[in-house]
Amino acid sequence: MTIPKKKSKKIKRQADAVTAHVQSTFNNTIVSITNSEGDVLLRKSAGELGFTGARKGTPFAASQVAAALVKDMAPLGVKTMAINLKGPGNGRDSVVRGFNQAAQAAGFSITTLRDVTPLPHNGCRAPKKRRV
């Protein structure tokens, strides 16, 4: 005789203040939505939405990522959002634009835009000069 497994109740996640971490490279754009403790609530990338190859790094793909995330954020009850931008890619600005347009429609506000791209303070030693 087997004992039936108890199904765990799905916890409804509520977050009124979230942070969007945007990692934008030349090949892809990845966006993670975290709560105030840093727990990842949602994440999407251009590749996950069906873009392949060079199209993953385009501004259009990044704006589609933002639109898809806003649709998924609706049941969370978000009121404010901070955005951290990281990387040199093409999708940086269009993700912010996509969130901004959707924020007005969904009824939440963007409080801060932060650039957290790591910059070396004269980090690694440069390679030696090429001799021809």
N, C-alpha and C. Protein backbone atom coordinates (compact mmCIF):
# COMPACT_ATOMS: atom_id res chain seq x y z
N MET A 1 0.84 -1.18 0.00
CA MET A 1 0.00 0.00 0.00
C MET A 1 0.89 1.25 0.00
N THR A 2 0.64 2.13 -0.92
CA THR A 2 1.43 3.37 -0.99
C THR A 2 0.66 4.50 -0.35
N ILE A 3 1.40 5.35 0.28
CA ILE A 3 0.82 6.51 0.94
C ILE A 3 0.77 7.65 -0.08
N PRO A 4 -0.40 8.25 -0.29
CA PRO A 4 -0.47 9.35 -1.26
C PRO A 4 0.32 10.57 -0.75
N LYS A 5 1.02 11.20 -1.69
CA LYS A 5 1.82 12.38 -1.32
C LYS A 5 0.91 13.58 -1.15
N LYS A 6 1.20 14.38 -0.14
CA LYS A 6 0.45 15.60 0.08
C LYS A 6 0.95 16.66 -0.87
N LYS A 7 0.04 17.35 -1.50
CA LYS A 7 0.42 18.44 -2.39
C LYS A 7 0.62 19.69 -1.55
N SER A 8 1.77 20.31 -1.73
CA SER A 8 2.02 21.53 -0.97
C SER A 8 1.27 22.69 -1.60
N LYS A 9 0.74 23.54 -0.75
CA LYS A 9 0.01 24.70 -1.24
C LYS A 9 0.98 25.68 -1.87
N LYS A 10 0.59 26.21 -3.02
CA LYS A 10 1.42 27.19 -3.69
C LYS A 10 1.30 28.53 -2.97
N ILE A 11 2.43 29.08 -2.60
CA ILE A 11 2.43 30.33 -1.85
C ILE A 11 2.26 31.50 -2.80
N LYS A 12 1.30 32.35 -2.50
CA LYS A 12 1.12 33.56 -3.31
C LYS A 12 2.19 34.56 -2.93
N ARG A 13 2.99 34.95 -3.91
CA ARG A 13 4.07 35.90 -3.64
C ARG A 13 3.55 37.32 -3.82
N GLN A 14 3.79 38.14 -2.85
CA GLN A 14 3.43 39.55 -2.91
C GLN A 14 4.69 40.37 -2.73
N ALA A 15 4.89 41.36 -3.57
CA ALA A 15 6.05 42.24 -3.46
C ALA A 15 5.64 43.61 -3.96
N ASP A 16 5.63 44.59 -3.06
CA ASP A 16 5.26 45.93 -3.51
C ASP A 16 6.45 46.71 -4.04
N ALA A 17 7.67 46.38 -3.62
CA ALA A 17 8.88 47.03 -4.14
C ALA A 17 9.80 45.96 -4.71
N VAL A 18 10.14 46.08 -5.98
CA VAL A 18 11.01 45.10 -6.63
C VAL A 18 12.18 45.80 -7.30
N THR A 19 13.20 45.02 -7.64
CA THR A 19 14.36 45.52 -8.37
C THR A 19 14.53 44.69 -9.63
N ALA A 20 14.73 45.37 -10.76
CA ALA A 20 14.98 44.69 -12.03
C ALA A 20 16.47 44.76 -12.31
N HIS A 21 17.12 43.61 -12.40
CA HIS A 21 18.54 43.54 -12.71
C HIS A 21 18.67 43.20 -14.19
N VAL A 22 19.17 44.16 -14.98
CA VAL A 22 19.27 44.00 -16.42
C VAL A 22 20.73 43.74 -16.77
N GLN A 23 21.02 42.56 -17.34
CA GLN A 23 22.36 42.26 -17.82
C GLN A 23 22.28 42.25 -19.34
N SER A 24 22.91 43.26 -19.94
CA SER A 24 22.81 43.43 -21.37
C SER A 24 24.18 43.25 -22.01
N THR A 25 24.33 42.16 -22.77
CA THR A 25 25.57 41.92 -23.50
C THR A 25 25.30 42.16 -24.97
N PHE A 26 26.33 41.98 -25.80
CA PHE A 26 26.15 42.15 -27.23
C PHE A 26 25.38 40.98 -27.82
N ASN A 27 25.31 39.85 -27.11
CA ASN A 27 24.66 38.65 -27.63
C ASN A 27 23.28 38.38 -27.06
N ASN A 28 22.96 38.93 -25.90
CA ASN A 28 21.68 38.61 -25.25
C ASN A 28 21.34 39.68 -24.23
N THR A 29 20.09 39.69 -23.79
CA THR A 29 19.64 40.57 -22.70
C THR A 29 18.89 39.71 -21.70
N ILE A 30 19.36 39.73 -20.45
CA ILE A 30 18.76 38.92 -19.39
C ILE A 30 18.25 39.87 -18.30
N VAL A 31 17.00 39.70 -17.89
CA VAL A 31 16.40 40.56 -16.86
C VAL A 31 15.87 39.68 -15.74
N SER A 32 16.27 39.98 -14.50
CA SER A 32 15.78 39.27 -13.32
C SER A 32 15.05 40.25 -12.42
N ILE A 33 13.90 39.85 -11.93
CA ILE A 33 13.12 40.67 -11.00
C ILE A 33 13.30 40.08 -9.61
N THR A 34 13.81 40.89 -8.65
CA THR A 34 14.03 40.40 -7.30
C THR A 34 13.22 41.24 -6.31
N ASN A 35 12.95 40.65 -5.15
CA ASN A 35 12.28 41.42 -4.10
C ASN A 35 13.34 42.16 -3.28
N SER A 36 12.93 42.78 -2.19
CA SER A 36 13.86 43.60 -1.41
C SER A 36 14.95 42.78 -0.73
N GLU A 37 14.69 41.48 -0.47
CA GLU A 37 15.71 40.62 0.14
C GLU A 37 16.69 40.07 -0.89
N GLY A 38 16.37 40.20 -2.18
CA GLY A 38 17.25 39.69 -3.22
C GLY A 38 16.82 38.35 -3.77
N ASP A 39 15.66 37.85 -3.36
CA ASP A 39 15.15 36.59 -3.89
C ASP A 39 14.59 36.81 -5.29
N VAL A 40 14.98 35.98 -6.23
CA VAL A 40 14.52 36.14 -7.61
C VAL A 40 13.07 35.67 -7.71
N LEU A 41 12.22 36.58 -8.18
CA LEU A 41 10.80 36.27 -8.35
C LEU A 41 10.52 35.84 -9.78
N LEU A 42 11.06 36.57 -10.74
CA LEU A 42 10.85 36.29 -12.16
C LEU A 42 12.15 36.55 -12.91
N ARG A 43 12.31 35.87 -14.06
CA ARG A 43 13.43 36.19 -14.93
C ARG A 43 13.09 35.80 -16.35
N LYS A 44 13.60 36.57 -17.28
CA LYS A 44 13.37 36.32 -18.70
C LYS A 44 14.63 36.74 -19.45
N SER A 45 14.80 36.13 -20.62
CA SER A 45 15.89 36.54 -21.51
C SER A 45 15.35 36.55 -22.93
N ALA A 46 16.09 37.18 -23.82
CA ALA A 46 15.66 37.26 -25.21
C ALA A 46 15.65 35.87 -25.83
N GLY A 47 16.60 35.03 -25.44
CA GLY A 47 16.64 33.67 -25.96
C GLY A 47 15.45 32.84 -25.51
N GLU A 48 14.98 33.09 -24.31
CA GLU A 48 13.83 32.36 -23.77
C GLU A 48 12.55 32.70 -24.53
N LEU A 49 12.49 33.91 -25.10
CA LEU A 49 11.30 34.33 -25.85
C LEU A 49 11.31 33.87 -27.29
N GLY A 50 12.36 33.13 -27.69
CA GLY A 50 12.37 32.59 -29.05
C GLY A 50 13.29 33.30 -30.01
N PHE A 51 13.97 34.33 -29.56
CA PHE A 51 14.93 35.00 -30.45
C PHE A 51 16.20 34.15 -30.52
N THR A 52 16.76 34.01 -31.71
CA THR A 52 17.95 33.18 -31.87
C THR A 52 19.06 33.98 -32.54
N GLY A 53 20.28 33.55 -32.29
CA GLY A 53 21.44 34.12 -32.96
C GLY A 53 21.63 35.59 -32.65
N ALA A 54 21.92 36.36 -33.70
CA ALA A 54 22.24 37.78 -33.53
C ALA A 54 21.02 38.60 -33.12
N ARG A 55 19.81 38.05 -33.33
CA ARG A 55 18.61 38.84 -32.99
C ARG A 55 18.40 38.94 -31.49
N LYS A 56 19.06 38.08 -30.69
CA LYS A 56 18.91 38.14 -29.24
C LYS A 56 19.48 39.43 -28.66
N GLY A 57 20.47 40.02 -29.32
CA GLY A 57 21.11 41.22 -28.79
C GLY A 57 20.51 42.51 -29.27
N THR A 58 19.38 42.45 -29.97
CA THR A 58 18.79 43.66 -30.55
C THR A 58 17.94 44.41 -29.52
N PRO A 59 17.74 45.71 -29.74
CA PRO A 59 16.88 46.48 -28.85
C PRO A 59 15.43 46.00 -28.87
N PHE A 60 14.96 45.51 -30.01
CA PHE A 60 13.58 45.02 -30.09
C PHE A 60 13.37 43.81 -29.18
N ALA A 61 14.33 42.90 -29.19
CA ALA A 61 14.23 41.72 -28.33
C ALA A 61 14.21 42.13 -26.86
N ALA A 62 15.01 43.14 -26.50
CA ALA A 62 15.05 43.61 -25.12
C ALA A 62 13.71 44.22 -24.71
N SER A 63 13.09 44.97 -25.61
CA SER A 63 11.79 45.56 -25.27
C SER A 63 10.73 44.48 -25.11
N GLN A 64 10.83 43.39 -25.87
CA GLN A 64 9.89 42.28 -25.73
C GLN A 64 10.07 41.57 -24.38
N VAL A 65 11.33 41.50 -23.92
CA VAL A 65 11.61 40.91 -22.60
C VAL A 65 10.92 41.73 -21.52
N ALA A 66 11.03 43.06 -21.61
CA ALA A 66 10.41 43.93 -20.62
C ALA A 66 8.89 43.78 -20.64
N ALA A 67 8.30 43.71 -21.82
CA ALA A 67 6.84 43.57 -21.93
C ALA A 67 6.38 42.25 -21.33
N ALA A 68 7.12 41.18 -21.58
CA ALA A 68 6.74 39.87 -21.05
C ALA A 68 6.84 39.85 -19.53
N LEU A 69 7.87 40.52 -18.98
CA LEU A 69 8.03 40.54 -17.52
C LEU A 69 6.93 41.35 -16.84
N VAL A 70 6.54 42.45 -17.45
CA VAL A 70 5.47 43.27 -16.86
C VAL A 70 4.17 42.48 -16.82
N LYS A 71 3.93 41.68 -17.84
CA LYS A 71 2.73 40.84 -17.87
C LYS A 71 2.76 39.82 -16.72
N ASP A 72 3.95 39.27 -16.45
CA ASP A 72 4.07 38.29 -15.36
C ASP A 72 4.07 38.95 -13.98
N MET A 73 4.42 40.24 -13.91
CA MET A 73 4.47 40.94 -12.62
C MET A 73 3.10 41.38 -12.13
N ALA A 74 2.10 41.33 -12.96
CA ALA A 74 0.77 41.83 -12.59
C ALA A 74 0.22 41.17 -11.32
N PRO A 75 0.29 39.83 -11.15
CA PRO A 75 -0.27 39.25 -9.93
C PRO A 75 0.56 39.49 -8.67
N LEU A 76 1.76 40.03 -8.80
CA LEU A 76 2.61 40.25 -7.63
C LEU A 76 2.23 41.49 -6.84
N GLY A 77 1.48 42.39 -7.44
CA GLY A 77 1.07 43.61 -6.74
C GLY A 77 2.20 44.60 -6.58
N VAL A 78 2.96 44.83 -7.63
CA VAL A 78 4.13 45.72 -7.58
C VAL A 78 3.67 47.18 -7.61
N LYS A 79 4.27 48.00 -6.71
CA LYS A 79 3.97 49.43 -6.69
C LYS A 79 5.16 50.26 -7.13
N THR A 80 6.38 49.86 -6.72
CA THR A 80 7.57 50.61 -7.11
C THR A 80 8.63 49.66 -7.65
N MET A 81 9.48 50.18 -8.52
CA MET A 81 10.52 49.37 -9.14
C MET A 81 11.80 50.18 -9.29
N ALA A 82 12.92 49.54 -8.95
CA ALA A 82 14.24 50.12 -9.20
C ALA A 82 14.90 49.28 -10.29
N ILE A 83 15.70 49.92 -11.15
CA ILE A 83 16.33 49.20 -12.25
C ILE A 83 17.84 49.33 -12.14
N ASN A 84 18.54 48.18 -12.15
CA ASN A 84 20.01 48.14 -12.18
C ASN A 84 20.43 47.67 -13.57
N LEU A 85 21.22 48.52 -14.25
CA LEU A 85 21.69 48.19 -15.59
C LEU A 85 23.13 47.75 -15.53
N LYS A 86 23.46 46.66 -16.25
CA LYS A 86 24.82 46.15 -16.23
C LYS A 86 25.18 45.69 -17.64
N GLY A 87 26.33 46.11 -18.12
CA GLY A 87 26.83 45.65 -19.41
C GLY A 87 26.71 46.69 -20.51
N PRO A 88 27.41 46.44 -21.63
CA PRO A 88 27.49 47.43 -22.71
C PRO A 88 26.53 47.20 -23.86
N GLY A 89 25.55 46.29 -23.74
CA GLY A 89 24.76 45.86 -24.89
C GLY A 89 23.77 46.89 -25.41
N ASN A 90 23.12 46.51 -26.52
CA ASN A 90 22.16 47.40 -27.18
C ASN A 90 20.82 47.45 -26.45
N GLY A 91 20.54 46.47 -25.61
CA GLY A 91 19.22 46.37 -25.01
C GLY A 91 19.01 47.23 -23.77
N ARG A 92 20.04 47.90 -23.30
CA ARG A 92 19.93 48.68 -22.05
C ARG A 92 18.79 49.68 -22.09
N ASP A 93 18.82 50.55 -23.07
CA ASP A 93 17.85 51.65 -23.12
C ASP A 93 16.44 51.15 -23.43
N SER A 94 16.35 50.17 -24.32
CA SER A 94 15.02 49.72 -24.72
C SER A 94 14.32 48.95 -23.61
N VAL A 95 15.06 48.29 -22.71
CA VAL A 95 14.44 47.65 -21.56
C VAL A 95 13.83 48.71 -20.65
N VAL A 96 14.57 49.79 -20.43
CA VAL A 96 14.06 50.87 -19.58
C VAL A 96 12.83 51.50 -20.22
N ARG A 97 12.88 51.72 -21.53
CA ARG A 97 11.73 52.29 -22.23
C ARG A 97 10.51 51.36 -22.14
N GLY A 98 10.77 50.07 -22.30
CA GLY A 98 9.67 49.10 -22.21
C GLY A 98 9.05 49.07 -20.82
N PHE A 99 9.89 49.10 -19.78
CA PHE A 99 9.37 49.13 -18.42
C PHE A 99 8.62 50.42 -18.16
N ASN A 100 9.12 51.53 -18.68
CA ASN A 100 8.50 52.83 -18.45
C ASN A 100 7.10 52.89 -19.06
N GLN A 101 6.97 52.42 -20.30
CA GLN A 101 5.66 52.42 -20.95
C GLN A 101 4.69 51.51 -20.21
N ALA A 102 5.17 50.35 -19.84
CA ALA A 102 4.30 49.39 -19.17
C ALA A 102 3.97 49.84 -17.75
N ALA A 103 4.87 50.58 -17.12
CA ALA A 103 4.64 51.04 -15.76
C ALA A 103 3.45 51.99 -15.71
N GLN A 104 3.33 52.82 -16.72
CA GLN A 104 2.19 53.74 -16.74
C GLN A 104 0.89 52.97 -16.91
N ALA A 105 0.92 51.93 -17.75
CA ALA A 105 -0.30 51.15 -17.98
C ALA A 105 -0.64 50.27 -16.77
N ALA A 106 0.38 49.67 -16.16
CA ALA A 106 0.14 48.73 -15.06
C ALA A 106 -0.07 49.43 -13.72
N GLY A 107 0.35 50.68 -13.61
CA GLY A 107 0.10 51.43 -12.39
C GLY A 107 1.20 51.36 -11.35
N PHE A 108 2.43 51.08 -11.74
CA PHE A 108 3.54 51.16 -10.80
C PHE A 108 4.55 52.19 -11.30
N SER A 109 5.44 52.63 -10.41
CA SER A 109 6.38 53.69 -10.77
C SER A 109 7.82 53.19 -10.67
N ILE A 110 8.67 53.76 -11.53
CA ILE A 110 10.09 53.44 -11.51
C ILE A 110 10.78 54.51 -10.66
N THR A 111 11.44 54.07 -9.58
CA THR A 111 12.03 55.03 -8.66
C THR A 111 13.47 55.38 -9.02
N THR A 112 14.31 54.37 -9.27
CA THR A 112 15.72 54.65 -9.53
C THR A 112 16.22 53.87 -10.73
N LEU A 113 17.15 54.50 -11.45
CA LEU A 113 17.90 53.87 -12.53
C LEU A 113 19.36 53.89 -12.10
N ARG A 114 19.98 52.73 -12.00
CA ARG A 114 21.35 52.65 -11.51
C ARG A 114 22.20 51.91 -12.52
N ASP A 115 23.40 52.40 -12.82
CA ASP A 115 24.33 51.69 -13.68
C ASP A 115 25.34 50.98 -12.79
N VAL A 116 25.32 49.64 -12.79
CA VAL A 116 26.21 48.87 -11.92
C VAL A 116 27.23 48.09 -12.74
N THR A 117 27.58 48.60 -13.92
CA THR A 117 28.57 47.94 -14.76
C THR A 117 29.92 47.98 -14.06
N PRO A 118 30.59 46.83 -13.90
CA PRO A 118 31.90 46.85 -13.23
C PRO A 118 32.96 47.52 -14.10
N LEU A 119 33.69 48.44 -13.52
CA LEU A 119 34.77 49.14 -14.23
C LEU A 119 36.09 48.84 -13.54
N PRO A 120 37.10 48.39 -14.30
CA PRO A 120 38.39 48.10 -13.67
C PRO A 120 39.12 49.39 -13.33
N HIS A 121 39.72 49.44 -12.14
CA HIS A 121 40.57 50.57 -11.76
C HIS A 121 42.01 50.14 -12.03
N ASN A 122 42.37 50.09 -13.32
CA ASN A 122 43.65 49.58 -13.78
C ASN A 122 43.88 48.18 -13.24
N GLY A 123 43.02 47.26 -13.66
CA GLY A 123 43.00 45.90 -13.16
C GLY A 123 44.14 45.04 -13.64
N CYS A 124 43.89 44.16 -14.59
CA CYS A 124 44.88 43.19 -15.04
C CYS A 124 45.98 43.87 -15.86
N ARG A 125 47.15 43.23 -15.86
CA ARG A 125 48.26 43.74 -16.65
C ARG A 125 47.97 43.52 -18.14
N ALA A 126 48.26 44.53 -18.95
CA ALA A 126 48.00 44.46 -20.38
C ALA A 126 48.94 43.46 -21.04
N PRO A 127 48.51 42.81 -22.13
CA PRO A 127 49.40 41.88 -22.81
C PRO A 127 50.59 42.61 -23.43
N LYS A 128 51.69 41.88 -23.59
CA LYS A 128 52.90 42.53 -24.14
C LYS A 128 52.68 42.94 -25.58
N LYS A 129 53.46 43.90 -26.05
CA LYS A 129 53.32 44.44 -27.40
C LYS A 129 53.60 43.36 -28.42
N ARG A 130 52.87 43.40 -29.53
CA ARG A 130 53.03 42.43 -30.59
C ARG A 130 54.24 42.77 -31.45
N ARG A 131 55.07 41.78 -31.69
CA ARG A 131 56.23 41.99 -32.57
C ARG A 131 55.95 41.36 -33.92
N VAL A 132 56.16 42.15 -34.97
CA VAL A 132 55.91 41.64 -36.32
C VAL A 132 57.21 41.48 -37.08
